[in-house]
Amino acid sequence: MVPFTYGVDGRVFEVREAFQKMRQPKKAVPPEITALTGITNEMIAGQSIDPVEVAEFVSGAVLVQA
């Protein structure tokens, strides 16, 4: 997630520090995905995303685009 401030006309004025976390999926990362993204099974082993951290990060947002 990347927070930013923007004007009424849609112009972006500021881009702030992104929220970046990984989560271990139920299935292994296929080799073609590792080749495309560089993300390996070892990188995501045991990783999770804390919903409280996400809620805190977006708490001040006016708009969240999924």
C-alpha atoms as a PDB file:
ATOM      1  CA  MET A   1       0.000   0.000   0.000  1.00  0.00           C
ATOM      2  CA  VAL A   2       1.305   3.426  -0.905  1.00  0.00           C
ATOM      3  CA  PRO A   3      -0.111   6.481   0.843  1.00  0.00           C
ATOM      4  CA  PHE A   4      -0.155   9.758  -1.028  1.00  0.00           C
ATOM      5  CA  THR A   5      -1.780  13.156  -0.928  1.00  0.00           C
ATOM      6  CA  TYR A   6      -3.539  14.518  -3.962  1.00  0.00           C
ATOM      7  CA  GLY A   7      -5.464  17.551  -5.085  1.00  0.00           C
ATOM      8  CA  VAL A   8      -9.081  17.886  -6.164  1.00  0.00           C
ATOM      9  CA  ASP A   9      -7.868  17.742  -9.767  1.00  0.00           C
ATOM     10  CA  GLY A  10      -6.201  14.357  -9.113  1.00  0.00           C
ATOM     11  CA  ARG A  11      -2.610  15.617  -9.131  1.00  0.00           C
ATOM     12  CA  VAL A  12      -0.374  13.773  -6.676  1.00  0.00           C
ATOM     13  CA  PHE A  13       1.481  16.125  -4.336  1.00  0.00           C
ATOM     14  CA  GLU A  14       3.309  13.719  -2.055  1.00  0.00           C
ATOM     15  CA  VAL A  15       4.065   9.990  -1.966  1.00  0.00           C
ATOM     16  CA  ARG A  16       4.856   8.663   1.493  1.00  0.00           C
ATOM     17  CA  GLU A  17       6.476   5.489   2.792  1.00  0.00           C
ATOM     18  CA  ALA A  18       4.781   2.302   1.588  1.00  0.00           C
ATOM     19  CA  PHE A  19       3.437  -0.538   3.729  1.00  0.00           C
ATOM     20  CA  GLN A  20       5.114  -3.709   2.484  1.00  0.00           C
ATOM     21  CA  LYS A  21       4.603  -7.104   4.048  1.00  0.00           C
ATOM     22  CA  MET A  22       4.542 -10.673   2.769  1.00  0.00           C
ATOM     23  CA  ARG A  23       2.388 -13.608   3.753  1.00  0.00           C
ATOM     24  CA  GLN A  24       3.153 -17.273   3.333  1.00  0.00           C
ATOM     25  CA  PRO A  25       0.549 -18.722   0.950  1.00  0.00           C
ATOM     26  CA  LYS A  26      -1.046 -22.138   1.342  1.00  0.00           C
ATOM     27  CA  LYS A  27       0.788 -23.391  -1.754  1.00  0.00           C
ATOM     28  CA  ALA A  28       4.439 -23.085  -2.723  1.00  0.00           C
ATOM     29  CA  VAL A  29       5.474 -20.265  -5.023  1.00  0.00           C
ATOM     30  CA  PRO A  30       5.755 -21.658  -8.566  1.00  0.00           C
ATOM     31  CA  PRO A  31       9.146 -21.263 -10.289  1.00  0.00           C
ATOM     32  CA  GLU A  32       7.657 -18.961 -12.955  1.00  0.00           C
ATOM     33  CA  ILE A  33       6.447 -16.562 -10.245  1.00  0.00           C
ATOM     34  CA  THR A  34       9.881 -16.593  -8.599  1.00  0.00           C
ATOM     35  CA  ALA A  35      11.419 -15.846 -12.019  1.00  0.00           C
ATOM     36  CA  LEU A  36       8.983 -12.950 -12.539  1.00  0.00           C
ATOM     37  CA  THR A  37       9.047 -11.388  -9.050  1.00  0.00           C
ATOM     38  CA  GLY A  38      12.185 -12.715  -7.372  1.00  0.00           C
ATOM     39  CA  ILE A  39      10.061 -13.863  -4.423  1.00  0.00           C
ATOM     40  CA  THR A  40      11.110 -17.285  -3.161  1.00  0.00           C
ATOM     41  CA  ASN A  41       9.478 -19.746  -0.786  1.00  0.00           C
ATOM     42  CA  GLU A  42      12.318 -19.081   1.668  1.00  0.00           C
ATOM     43  CA  MET A  43      11.526 -15.344   1.690  1.00  0.00           C
ATOM     44  CA  ILE A  44       7.894 -15.872   2.693  1.00  0.00           C
ATOM     45  CA  ALA A  45       8.297 -18.853   5.022  1.00  0.00           C
ATOM     46  CA  GLY A  46       6.521 -18.058   8.289  1.00  0.00           C
ATOM     47  CA  GLN A  47       5.521 -14.558   7.144  1.00  0.00           C
ATOM     48  CA  SER A  48       2.107 -13.106   7.988  1.00  0.00           C
ATOM     49  CA  ILE A  49       0.319  -9.780   7.792  1.00  0.00           C
ATOM     50  CA  ASP A  50      -1.059  -8.373  11.033  1.00  0.00           C
ATOM     51  CA  PRO A  51      -4.593  -6.994  10.482  1.00  0.00           C
ATOM     52  CA  VAL A  52      -4.052  -4.481  13.296  1.00  0.00           C
ATOM     53  CA  GLU A  53      -0.994  -3.068  11.489  1.00  0.00           C
ATOM     54  CA  VAL A  54      -3.021  -2.751   8.289  1.00  0.00           C
ATOM     55  CA  ALA A  55      -5.882  -1.021  10.116  1.00  0.00           C
ATOM     56  CA  GLU A  56      -3.467   1.435  11.740  1.00  0.00           C
ATOM     57  CA  PHE A  57      -1.794   2.155   8.408  1.00  0.00           C
ATOM     58  CA  VAL A  58      -5.064   3.010   6.638  1.00  0.00           C
ATOM     59  CA  SER A  59      -6.761   4.676   9.615  1.00  0.00           C
ATOM     60  CA  GLY A  60      -6.159   8.207   8.334  1.00  0.00           C
ATOM     61  CA  ALA A  61      -6.990   7.456   4.711  1.00  0.00           C
ATOM     62  CA  VAL A  62      -9.850   9.217   2.969  1.00  0.00           C
ATOM     63  CA  LEU A  63      -9.852   6.676   0.141  1.00  0.00           C
ATOM     64  CA  VAL A  64      -8.563   3.094  -0.091  1.00  0.00           C
ATOM     65  CA  GLN A  65      -8.288   1.643  -3.599  1.00  0.00           C
ATOM     66  CA  ALA A  66      -8.062  -2.137  -3.743  1.00  0.00           C
END
